[in-house]
Protein backbone atom coordinates (compact mmCIF):
# COMPACT_ATOMS: atom_id res chain seq x y z
CA UNK A 1 -6.20 -20.37 46.45
CA UNK A 2 -4.13 -17.98 44.34
CA UNK A 3 -2.00 -20.74 42.86
CA UNK A 4 -5.07 -22.77 41.94
CA UNK A 5 -6.77 -19.80 40.30
CA UNK A 6 -3.60 -19.08 38.38
CA UNK A 7 -3.62 -22.68 37.18
CA UNK A 8 -7.22 -22.23 36.06
CA UNK A 9 -6.37 -19.14 34.06
CA UNK A 10 -3.45 -20.95 32.48
CA UNK A 11 -5.83 -23.70 31.40
CA UNK A 12 -7.99 -21.13 29.66
CA UNK A 13 -4.87 -19.67 28.10
CA UNK A 14 -3.89 -23.06 26.70
CA UNK A 15 -7.41 -23.78 25.45
CA UNK A 16 -8.31 -20.47 23.84
CA UNK A 17 -4.88 -19.40 22.58
CA UNK A 18 -4.99 -15.63 21.95
CA UNK A 19 -8.16 -15.02 23.96
CA UNK A 20 -6.90 -16.85 27.01
CA UNK A 21 -3.45 -15.36 26.71
CA UNK A 22 -4.84 -11.86 26.80
CA UNK A 23 -7.16 -12.62 29.72
CA UNK A 24 -4.17 -13.95 31.61
CA UNK A 25 -2.04 -10.93 30.72
CA UNK A 26 -4.60 -8.52 32.16
CA UNK A 27 -5.38 -10.38 35.41
CA UNK A 28 -3.19 -10.00 38.46
CA UNK A 29 -3.78 -12.68 41.13
CA UNK A 30 -3.60 -11.23 44.66
CA UNK A 31 -3.53 -13.33 47.87
CA UNK A 32 -6.51 -14.94 49.59
CA UNK A 33 -10.03 -14.36 48.26
CA UNK A 34 -9.57 -10.94 46.63
CA UNK A 35 -9.53 -11.02 42.83
CA UNK A 36 -8.20 -8.07 40.90
CA UNK A 37 -8.21 -7.19 37.17
CA UNK A 38 -5.73 -4.56 36.06
CA UNK A 39 -7.00 -2.62 33.02
CA UNK A 40 -4.85 -0.71 30.55
CA UNK A 41 -5.84 2.64 32.10
CA UNK A 42 -4.93 1.37 35.60
CA UNK A 43 -8.59 1.31 36.57
CA UNK A 44 -8.73 -1.30 39.34
CA UNK A 45 -12.02 -2.68 40.67
CA UNK A 46 -12.28 -5.32 43.38
CA UNK A 47 -15.46 -7.24 44.09
CA UNK A 48 -16.38 -10.71 45.34
CA UNK A 49 -17.92 -11.03 41.87
CA UNK A 50 -15.78 -9.01 39.49
CA UNK A 51 -17.43 -7.60 36.36
CA UNK A 52 -15.41 -5.67 33.79
CA UNK A 53 -16.80 -4.10 30.66
CA UNK A 54 -14.02 -2.35 28.83
CA UNK A 55 -12.60 -1.81 25.36
CA UNK A 56 -9.29 -3.64 25.36
CA UNK A 57 -6.94 -2.09 22.78
CA UNK A 58 -4.82 -5.22 22.30
CA UNK A 59 -7.47 -7.94 22.30
CA UNK A 60 -9.23 -9.61 19.40
CA UNK A 61 -12.65 -8.33 20.42
CA UNK A 62 -14.25 -5.02 21.28
CA UNK A 63 -16.63 -4.91 24.27
CA UNK A 64 -15.71 -7.67 26.70
CA UNK A 65 -17.51 -8.69 29.84
CA UNK A 66 -15.57 -11.01 32.10
CA UNK A 67 -17.13 -12.48 35.25
CA UNK A 68 -15.02 -14.23 37.84
CA UNK A 69 -17.26 -16.11 40.29
CA UNK A 70 -16.25 -18.27 43.27
CA UNK A 71 -18.32 -21.45 42.84
CA UNK A 72 -17.23 -24.22 45.19
CA UNK A 73 -17.65 -27.86 44.18
CA UNK A 74 -18.84 -27.03 40.64
CA UNK A 75 -17.10 -28.89 37.85
CA UNK A 76 -17.22 -28.01 34.17
CA UNK A 77 -15.14 -28.83 31.14
CA UNK A 78 -13.59 -26.40 28.67
CA UNK A 79 -15.03 -27.66 25.40
CA UNK A 80 -17.14 -24.53 24.83
CA UNK A 81 -14.58 -21.91 25.77
CA UNK A 82 -13.53 -21.33 22.17
CA UNK A 83 -17.10 -20.32 21.28
CA UNK A 84 -16.56 -17.10 23.24
CA UNK A 85 -20.29 -16.61 23.90
CA UNK A 86 -21.08 -19.36 26.42
CA UNK A 87 -20.39 -19.37 30.18
CA UNK A 88 -17.55 -21.73 31.00
CA UNK A 89 -16.00 -22.81 34.27
CA UNK A 90 -12.57 -24.15 35.00
CA UNK A 91 -12.42 -26.50 38.00
CA UNK A 92 -9.77 -26.10 40.68
CA UNK A 93 -9.24 -27.87 44.01
CA UNK A 94 -10.83 -25.09 46.03
CA UNK A 95 -12.86 -22.80 43.82
CA UNK A 96 -13.91 -22.39 40.19
CA UNK A 97 -13.62 -19.47 37.85
CA UNK A 98 -16.48 -18.59 35.51
CA UNK A 99 -15.60 -16.63 32.39
CA UNK A 100 -18.21 -15.11 30.08
CA UNK A 101 -17.16 -13.29 26.94
CA UNK A 102 -19.82 -11.42 24.94
CA UNK A 103 -19.29 -10.31 21.32
CA UNK A 104 -17.58 -12.76 19.07
CA UNK A 105 -14.10 -11.72 17.97
CA UNK A 106 -14.25 -9.03 15.29
CA UNK A 107 -12.71 -9.98 11.97
CA UNK A 108 -12.32 -6.47 10.53
CA UNK A 109 -11.23 -3.14 11.93
CA UNK A 110 -11.52 0.37 10.56
CA UNK A 111 -8.21 2.20 10.13
CA UNK A 112 -7.08 5.79 10.32
CA UNK A 113 -4.36 6.24 7.72
CA UNK A 114 -1.50 8.62 7.09
CA UNK A 115 -1.71 11.46 4.56
CA UNK A 116 1.59 12.50 2.96
CA UNK A 117 1.76 16.14 1.85
CA UNK A 118 4.52 15.91 -0.75
CA UNK A 119 5.00 18.95 -2.98
CA UNK A 120 3.90 17.14 -6.15
CA UNK A 121 0.44 16.35 -4.79
CA UNK A 122 -2.79 17.96 -5.97
CA UNK A 123 -3.89 20.97 -3.95
CA UNK A 124 -6.85 21.04 -1.58
CA UNK A 125 -10.14 19.59 -2.76
CA UNK A 126 -8.69 18.92 -6.22
CA UNK A 127 -6.93 15.96 -4.59
CA UNK A 128 -8.76 12.65 -4.45
CA UNK A 129 -6.64 11.83 -1.39
CA UNK A 130 -8.03 14.86 0.45
CA UNK A 131 -11.61 14.15 -0.63
CA UNK A 132 -11.44 10.51 0.46
CA UNK A 133 -10.07 11.37 3.90
CA UNK A 134 -12.64 14.13 4.41
CA UNK A 135 -15.46 11.82 3.32
CA UNK A 136 -14.48 9.22 5.91
CA UNK A 137 -13.86 11.78 8.66
CA UNK A 138 -16.33 14.68 8.79
CA UNK A 139 -14.06 16.67 11.14
CA UNK A 140 -11.15 16.64 8.66
CA UNK A 141 -10.47 20.13 7.26
CA UNK A 142 -9.04 20.48 3.77
CA UNK A 143 -6.57 23.33 3.25
CA UNK A 144 -6.99 24.66 -0.30
CA UNK A 145 -3.32 25.70 -0.48
CA UNK A 146 -1.89 22.41 0.77
CA UNK A 147 -0.81 19.45 -1.39
CA UNK A 148 -2.41 16.09 -0.55
CA UNK A 149 -0.20 13.62 -2.38
CA UNK A 150 -0.56 10.14 -0.89
CA UNK A 151 -2.72 8.15 1.51
CA UNK A 152 -0.73 5.30 3.10
CA UNK A 153 -2.52 2.17 4.29
CA UNK A 154 -0.39 -0.41 6.08
CA UNK A 155 2.32 -0.88 8.67
CA UNK A 156 5.18 1.10 7.12
CA UNK A 157 7.00 2.94 9.96
CA UNK A 158 6.93 6.24 8.03
CA UNK A 159 3.14 6.21 7.93
CA UNK A 160 1.61 3.52 10.18
CA UNK A 161 -2.15 3.00 10.12
CA UNK A 162 -4.02 3.22 13.43
CA UNK A 163 -6.92 0.97 14.48
CA UNK A 164 -9.56 3.61 15.20
CA UNK A 165 -11.51 2.03 18.06
CA UNK A 166 -8.38 0.76 19.82
CA UNK A 167 -6.04 3.70 19.35
CA UNK A 168 -3.06 1.48 18.56
CA UNK A 169 -0.98 1.01 15.44
CA UNK A 170 -1.91 -1.93 13.23
CA UNK A 171 1.73 -3.04 13.39
CA UNK A 172 1.60 -3.22 17.20
CA UNK A 173 -1.70 -5.10 17.14
CA UNK A 174 -0.29 -7.72 14.78
CA UNK A 175 2.67 -8.38 17.07
CA UNK A 176 0.31 -9.77 19.71
CA UNK A 177 -2.36 -11.15 17.36
CA UNK A 178 -0.30 -13.08 14.83
CA UNK A 179 -3.23 -15.32 13.88
CA UNK A 180 -4.69 -12.31 12.07
CA UNK A 181 -1.85 -12.63 9.55
CA UNK A 182 -2.43 -16.30 8.75
CA UNK A 183 0.08 -19.18 8.72
CA UNK A 184 1.05 -18.89 5.03
CA UNK A 185 1.97 -15.23 5.31
CA UNK A 186 3.75 -15.76 8.65
CA UNK A 187 5.94 -18.44 7.09
CA UNK A 188 6.88 -16.13 4.23
CA UNK A 189 6.97 -12.69 5.84
CA UNK A 190 7.01 -13.13 9.64
CA UNK A 191 4.51 -10.85 11.45
CA UNK A 192 4.47 -7.79 9.19
CA UNK A 193 2.04 -6.89 6.43
CA UNK A 194 4.42 -7.13 3.44
CA UNK A 195 2.59 -4.62 1.25
CA UNK A 196 1.76 -0.92 1.35
CA UNK A 197 -1.50 0.22 -0.24
CA UNK A 198 -1.78 3.85 -1.36
CA UNK A 199 -3.97 6.34 -3.14
CA UNK A 200 -1.97 8.96 -5.10
CA UNK A 201 -3.12 12.35 -6.40
CA UNK A 202 -0.44 13.67 -8.76
CA UNK A 203 -0.29 17.36 -9.78
CA UNK A 204 3.24 17.43 -11.16
CA UNK A 205 5.73 14.76 -12.15
CA UNK A 206 7.37 12.47 -9.66
CA UNK A 207 11.03 11.65 -10.22
CA UNK A 208 12.06 9.30 -13.00
CA UNK A 209 13.15 6.27 -11.05
CA UNK A 210 13.71 2.55 -10.89
CA UNK A 211 13.74 0.06 -8.04
CA UNK A 212 16.36 -2.67 -7.52
CA UNK A 213 15.78 -6.40 -7.37
CA UNK A 214 15.73 -7.97 -3.92
CA UNK A 215 19.31 -9.20 -4.26
CA UNK A 216 20.54 -5.83 -5.51
CA UNK A 217 18.61 -4.03 -2.74
CA UNK A 218 20.39 -6.14 -0.13
CA UNK A 219 23.78 -5.20 -1.60
CA UNK A 220 22.89 -1.49 -1.85
CA UNK A 221 21.63 -1.40 1.72
CA UNK A 222 24.76 -3.15 2.98
CA UNK A 223 27.18 -0.87 1.12
CA UNK A 224 25.26 2.45 1.15
CA UNK A 225 22.85 2.35 4.13
CA UNK A 226 22.50 6.15 4.21
CA UNK A 227 21.10 6.17 0.66
CA UNK A 228 19.25 2.85 0.61
CA UNK A 229 17.41 2.47 3.89
CA UNK A 230 16.27 -1.16 3.73
CA UNK A 231 17.23 -4.43 1.99
CA UNK A 232 13.88 -5.03 0.26
CA UNK A 233 12.76 -4.77 -3.34
CA UNK A 234 9.93 -2.42 -4.35
CA UNK A 235 7.81 -3.73 -7.22
CA UNK A 236 4.74 -1.54 -7.75
CA UNK A 237 1.28 -1.75 -9.31
CA UNK A 238 -0.60 1.41 -10.29
CA UNK A 239 -4.32 1.32 -11.17
CA UNK A 240 -5.81 4.50 -12.64
CA UNK A 241 -8.80 6.01 -10.83
CA UNK A 242 -9.00 9.02 -13.16
CA UNK A 243 -7.20 9.86 -16.40
CA UNK A 244 -3.63 9.04 -15.42
CA UNK A 245 -0.37 9.81 -17.20
CA UNK A 246 3.09 8.39 -16.70
CA UNK A 247 6.34 7.32 -18.30
CA UNK A 248 7.03 3.59 -18.25
CA UNK A 249 9.83 1.53 -19.81
CA UNK A 250 11.93 2.33 -22.86
CA UNK A 251 10.12 3.01 -26.12
CA UNK A 252 10.32 0.81 -29.22
CA UNK A 253 13.65 1.49 -30.88
CA UNK A 254 11.99 2.82 -34.04
CA UNK A 255 10.33 5.61 -32.05
CA UNK A 256 13.57 6.55 -30.28
CA UNK A 257 15.33 6.71 -33.66
CA UNK A 258 12.62 9.02 -35.01
CA UNK A 259 13.08 11.45 -32.14
CA UNK A 260 16.87 11.39 -32.50
CA UNK A 261 16.55 12.27 -36.19
CA UNK A 262 14.03 15.07 -35.60
CA UNK A 263 15.64 16.63 -32.51
CA UNK A 264 19.14 17.94 -33.24
CA UNK A 265 19.01 19.81 -29.94
CA UNK A 266 19.01 16.40 -28.26
CA UNK A 267 21.59 14.62 -30.40
CA UNK A 268 24.00 17.57 -30.05
CA UNK A 269 24.48 16.76 -26.36
CA UNK A 270 24.79 12.99 -26.81
CA UNK A 271 27.79 10.89 -27.77
CA UNK A 272 27.99 11.05 -31.57
CA UNK A 273 29.36 7.52 -31.84
CA UNK A 274 26.60 6.12 -29.62
CA UNK A 275 23.87 7.90 -31.58
CA UNK A 276 25.25 6.76 -34.94
CA UNK A 277 25.54 3.16 -33.73
CA UNK A 278 21.95 3.17 -32.53
CA UNK A 279 20.64 4.75 -35.75
CA UNK A 280 22.50 2.15 -37.81
CA UNK A 281 21.13 -0.74 -35.78
CA UNK A 282 19.04 -3.35 -37.60
CA UNK A 283 16.21 -5.30 -36.02
CA UNK A 284 18.11 -8.60 -36.06
CA UNK A 285 20.67 -7.78 -33.38
CA UNK A 286 20.12 -6.95 -29.73
CA UNK A 287 19.87 -3.19 -29.17
CA UNK A 288 20.00 -3.01 -25.38
CA UNK A 289 23.73 -2.25 -25.15
CA UNK A 290 23.41 0.47 -27.80
CA UNK A 291 20.47 2.08 -26.02
CA UNK A 292 22.40 1.91 -22.76
CA UNK A 293 25.31 3.80 -24.33
CA UNK A 294 23.05 6.57 -25.62
CA UNK A 295 21.16 6.90 -22.35
CA UNK A 296 24.42 6.94 -20.36
CA UNK A 297 25.73 9.78 -22.51
CA UNK A 298 22.55 11.74 -21.72
CA UNK A 299 22.71 11.09 -17.97
CA UNK A 300 26.39 12.06 -17.74
CA UNK A 301 26.08 15.17 -19.92
CA UNK A 302 27.14 18.56 -18.53
CA UNK A 303 24.22 20.31 -16.80
CA UNK A 304 24.77 23.60 -18.60
CA UNK A 305 24.65 21.86 -21.98
CA UNK A 306 21.39 20.16 -20.99
CA UNK A 307 19.85 23.44 -19.86
CA UNK A 308 20.87 25.31 -23.02
CA UNK A 309 19.66 22.49 -25.26
CA UNK A 310 16.26 22.43 -23.56
CA UNK A 311 15.86 26.18 -23.99
CA UNK A 312 16.72 25.95 -27.69
CA UNK A 313 14.33 23.06 -28.27
CA UNK A 314 11.45 24.79 -26.50
CA UNK A 315 11.98 27.99 -28.48
CA UNK A 316 11.92 26.09 -31.77
CA UNK A 317 8.91 23.94 -30.97
CA UNK A 318 6.95 26.98 -29.83
CA UNK A 319 6.88 28.21 -33.44
CA UNK A 320 5.90 24.86 -34.99
CA UNK A 321 2.37 23.97 -36.08
CA UNK A 322 0.12 22.08 -33.68
CA UNK A 323 0.55 18.66 -35.32
CA UNK A 324 4.36 18.92 -35.15
CA UNK A 325 4.16 20.07 -31.55
CA UNK A 326 2.02 17.05 -30.72
CA UNK A 327 4.33 14.65 -32.57
CA UNK A 328 7.39 16.01 -30.74
CA UNK A 329 5.65 16.06 -27.34
CA UNK A 330 5.88 19.83 -26.94
CA UNK A 331 3.01 20.18 -24.40
CA UNK A 332 4.60 17.56 -22.12
CA UNK A 333 8.12 18.96 -22.55
CA UNK A 334 6.87 22.48 -21.77
CA UNK A 335 5.14 21.32 -18.58
CA UNK A 336 8.11 19.29 -17.36
CA UNK A 337 10.48 22.19 -18.01
CA UNK A 338 8.19 24.60 -16.14
CA UNK A 339 8.26 22.33 -13.10
CA UNK A 340 11.91 21.22 -13.41
CA UNK A 341 13.80 23.82 -15.48
CA UNK A 342 17.04 22.54 -16.94
CA UNK A 343 16.54 19.02 -15.58
CA UNK A 344 17.90 16.13 -17.64
CA UNK A 345 14.64 14.27 -17.00
CA UNK A 346 12.82 16.65 -19.36
CA UNK A 347 14.35 14.63 -22.22
CA UNK A 348 13.06 11.32 -20.79
CA UNK A 349 9.77 11.23 -22.80
CA UNK A 350 11.82 10.84 -25.99
CA UNK A 351 13.22 7.58 -24.64
CA UNK A 352 10.35 6.24 -22.50
CA UNK A 353 6.77 5.24 -23.28
CA UNK A 354 4.29 8.05 -22.62
CA UNK A 355 1.33 6.22 -21.07
CA UNK A 356 -2.17 7.71 -20.81
CA UNK A 357 -4.35 5.37 -18.78
CA UNK A 358 -8.12 5.31 -18.58
CA UNK A 359 -9.76 4.57 -15.19
CA UNK A 360 -9.32 0.86 -14.44
CA UNK A 361 -6.20 0.41 -16.56
CA UNK A 362 -3.01 -0.57 -14.74
CA UNK A 363 0.76 -0.81 -15.12
CA UNK A 364 3.10 -3.13 -13.21
CA UNK A 365 6.51 -1.66 -12.45
CA UNK A 366 8.90 -4.55 -12.10
CA UNK A 367 12.46 -4.15 -10.76
CA UNK A 368 14.88 -2.10 -12.90
CA UNK A 369 12.10 -0.64 -15.07
CA UNK A 370 12.40 3.17 -15.45
CA UNK A 371 9.17 5.01 -14.75
CA UNK A 372 7.63 8.27 -13.57
CA UNK A 373 4.09 9.30 -12.68
CA UNK A 374 3.08 12.57 -14.36
CA UNK A 375 -0.52 13.41 -13.43
CA UNK A 376 -3.83 11.99 -12.24
CA UNK A 377 -5.14 9.79 -9.44
CA UNK A 378 -4.40 6.12 -8.88
CA UNK A 379 -4.45 3.24 -6.43
CA UNK A 380 -0.92 1.97 -5.91
CA UNK A 381 0.30 -1.14 -4.13
CA UNK A 382 3.91 -2.09 -3.52
CA UNK A 383 6.25 -4.12 -1.40
CA UNK A 384 7.20 -2.37 1.85
CA UNK A 385 10.39 -0.54 0.90
CA UNK A 386 11.83 2.93 0.36
CA UNK A 387 14.53 1.91 -2.12
CA UNK A 388 14.54 4.32 -5.07
CA UNK A 389 17.26 4.98 -7.65
CA UNK A 390 16.45 8.30 -9.34
CA UNK A 391 17.14 9.39 -12.91
CA UNK A 392 15.78 12.93 -13.12
CA UNK A 393 12.88 15.34 -12.51
CA UNK A 394 14.04 15.72 -8.94
CA UNK A 395 16.27 17.92 -6.79
CA UNK A 396 17.21 14.80 -4.82
CA UNK A 397 20.33 12.69 -5.18
CA UNK A 398 20.79 10.90 -8.53
CA UNK A 399 23.03 7.84 -8.30
CA UNK A 400 24.05 7.75 -11.96
CA UNK A 401 26.49 4.79 -11.86
CA UNK A 402 23.98 2.59 -10.00
CA UNK A 403 21.16 3.70 -12.27
CA UNK A 404 23.00 3.07 -15.54
CA UNK A 405 24.14 -0.35 -14.40
CA UNK A 406 20.74 -1.60 -13.22
CA UNK A 407 18.19 -0.38 -15.79
CA UNK A 408 16.26 -2.74 -18.03
CA UNK A 409 17.05 -1.41 -21.52
CA UNK A 410 14.52 -3.64 -23.26
CA UNK A 411 12.25 -1.74 -25.65
CA UNK A 412 8.53 -2.22 -24.98
CA UNK A 413 5.40 -1.24 -26.86
CA UNK A 414 2.93 0.77 -24.75
CA UNK A 415 0.46 -2.12 -24.93
CA UNK A 416 3.08 -4.39 -23.35
CA UNK A 417 3.23 -2.07 -20.35
CA UNK A 418 -0.46 -2.54 -19.55
CA UNK A 419 -1.15 -5.09 -16.82
CA UNK A 420 -4.57 -6.69 -17.12
CA UNK A 421 -6.62 -8.22 -14.29
CA UNK A 422 -8.34 -11.59 -14.16
CA UNK A 423 -12.03 -11.89 -13.35
CA UNK A 424 -12.69 -13.92 -10.19
CA UNK A 425 -16.47 -13.61 -10.22
CA UNK A 426 -19.01 -11.08 -11.45
CA UNK A 427 -18.14 -8.66 -8.62
CA UNK A 428 -14.36 -8.89 -8.37
CA UNK A 429 -11.25 -8.91 -10.54
CA UNK A 430 -7.66 -9.32 -9.41
CA UNK A 431 -4.28 -8.03 -10.56
CA UNK A 432 -1.70 -10.70 -9.67
CA UNK A 433 1.87 -9.53 -10.32
CA UNK A 434 4.69 -12.12 -10.34
CA UNK A 435 5.75 -11.33 -6.75
CA UNK A 436 4.53 -12.82 -3.44
CA UNK A 437 4.29 -9.48 -1.64
CA UNK A 438 0.94 -8.29 -2.97
CA UNK A 439 -1.99 -8.53 -5.33
CA UNK A 440 -4.91 -6.10 -5.69
CA UNK A 441 -8.61 -6.90 -5.99
CA UNK A 442 -11.24 -4.51 -7.34
CA UNK A 443 -14.70 -5.11 -5.88
CA UNK A 444 -17.79 -3.54 -7.46
CA UNK A 445 -21.25 -4.27 -6.06
CA UNK A 446 -24.24 -2.71 -7.79
CA UNK A 447 -27.50 -1.44 -6.36
CA UNK A 448 -29.78 -4.20 -5.13
CA UNK A 449 -27.03 -6.79 -4.79
CA UNK A 450 -25.20 -8.18 -1.78
CA UNK A 451 -21.74 -9.67 -2.07
CA UNK A 452 -19.55 -11.83 0.17
CA UNK A 453 -15.87 -11.29 -0.52
CA UNK A 454 -13.66 -14.23 -1.44
CA UNK A 455 -11.91 -15.75 1.59
CA UNK A 456 -8.14 -15.16 1.37
CA UNK A 457 -5.33 -16.92 3.21
CA UNK A 458 -3.70 -13.57 3.90
CA UNK A 459 -4.69 -10.43 5.78
CA UNK A 460 -5.93 -7.60 3.61
CA UNK A 461 -6.47 -3.86 3.63
CA UNK A 462 -9.42 -2.43 1.76
CA UNK A 463 -10.43 1.12 0.82
CA UNK A 464 -13.86 2.20 -0.40
CA UNK A 465 -13.47 4.52 -3.40
CA UNK A 466 -17.07 5.33 -4.30
CA UNK A 467 -20.69 4.60 -3.42
CA UNK A 468 -22.38 4.02 -0.08
CA UNK A 469 -23.85 1.24 2.01
CA UNK A 470 -22.54 -1.21 4.60
CA UNK A 471 -19.58 -3.53 4.92
CA UNK A 472 -20.12 -6.15 7.59
CA UNK A 473 -18.54 -9.12 9.34
CA UNK A 474 -19.96 -9.33 12.86
CA UNK A 475 -20.78 -5.63 13.04
CA UNK A 476 -21.58 -3.21 10.19
CA UNK A 477 -19.19 -0.48 9.09
CA UNK A 478 -20.53 2.40 7.01
CA UNK A 479 -19.16 1.99 3.50
CA UNK A 480 -18.46 5.48 2.23
CA UNK A 481 -15.56 6.82 0.17
CA UNK A 482 -12.33 6.89 2.15
CA UNK A 483 -13.24 4.22 4.69
CA UNK A 484 -10.26 1.87 5.16
CA UNK A 485 -10.66 -1.60 6.70
CA UNK A 486 -8.18 -4.22 7.87
CA UNK A 487 -9.50 -7.77 7.42
CA UNK A 488 -7.90 -10.75 9.11
CA UNK A 489 -6.71 -13.77 7.18
CA UNK A 490 -9.32 -16.40 6.25
CA UNK A 491 -12.22 -14.02 6.89
CA UNK A 492 -14.73 -12.35 4.61
CA UNK A 493 -16.86 -9.23 4.43
CA UNK A 494 -20.39 -8.72 3.16
CA UNK A 495 -20.97 -5.68 0.92
CA UNK A 496 -24.50 -4.25 0.85
CA UNK A 497 -24.99 -1.04 -1.15
CA UNK A 498 -27.49 1.57 0.00
CA UNK A 499 -30.67 1.95 -2.10
CA UNK A 500 -29.91 3.47 -5.51
CA UNK A 501 -26.18 3.29 -4.87
CA UNK A 502 -23.21 0.96 -5.32
CA UNK A 503 -19.92 0.17 -3.56
CA UNK A 504 -16.54 0.20 -5.31
CA UNK A 505 -13.47 -0.77 -3.31
CA UNK A 506 -9.87 -1.91 -3.75
CA UNK A 507 -8.43 -4.67 -1.57
CA UNK A 508 -4.70 -5.36 -1.17
CA UNK A 509 -3.75 -8.93 -0.26
CA UNK A 510 -0.59 -11.03 -0.15
CA UNK A 511 0.01 -13.04 -3.31
CA UNK A 512 0.59 -16.37 -1.55
């Protein structure tokens, strides 16, 4: 009998793929007429008719009721097994097994996500990160003296998201439920979610940094594995949620020249030949090599000279009128120096575009582009990587030779740094960077409307930023700020705002 019942279970496994596989994995066939189901918590029940109602952490559905009934001489086919909600029997030579599964497979799952308390984060309830997490979890206590810098949503090993009602990491779930990723993403990225979605709340500047190309990242990881932990690239997209400030890309050459002519405290510590060559440059010839020479002379300057020059510049600008202070970026320089006294990165705003984004504006940080976040709150999405080459505003290691050799020294206007979305329909717009790892969708549903999300070929992670209501596939999830949802590939959600409210959310997807 046992062999025949095992054959029956294997037939269900073959027919229902993941569902059958998991049923088979959790059923142990004992001898004779005793049937046993081994649950994850080792709870074993034995009956002539076995009924189990249990939340299975690793299965594609929540509440499952499985009935195994001995029914001699009853024959059924398997054509309805994949419906999951109809009784089905599998015929054997001696007895039949009846399997009933109630609750169709859930397509979305709420996540508990990792908060990172980096020193540069906003403190306590001033942090949007803290407020979002506390909104989604009423038992979460905010410490007013603690920085809440980043909320990580994804499968990165340094901050893995947990499926709340299963108690398992999303990364572990996807290993045994690969269909949730979708065939296109599996072909490109195997079984991982290739992006990391974040919310950032920035109180003081992050390091000036750049990220290598994929090919360069592989070389750096191979040759310096202690410094560069993985072989992946790290393109990034930042979308402002509040007024957001940052440095991004090298300024137009005319602006850099103006600062060099008005700031002798800066030119005194730079290579005189490099500065003169840059000032003499005309618009016809390429300036990237000249800018590289000047920037290299700054980055390799003696630390004591940098510190003394900064002190002199601050003392002079303090006595200037307000318009001159504004023109020469005194408020920004003063703040950077207060946070990072004597740091070479304090001079970076005179070379890099000083961006001030309104909510909804975005910047795409391609490989080799120097950048630094200064203040504000944003949604950020990136490829899964930790590869960072730093240039200043940090006590951490600065790899000057690697940095100088890799940077993109092209001069950009601030308007060229803005990355604009495309409207998909009246409720959603999408930022599609030129990388396959990720894209980001903003969804906004107004009071009185209902909206079905666009079906994507990839899995996605979604966070509600504002409003209230319901998000639903087979079962509703309360849509309140801070709620994070994983949605399987080729599935959709329905957004329904509460009366007199709205729902605004950001959804990270693969760009395949």
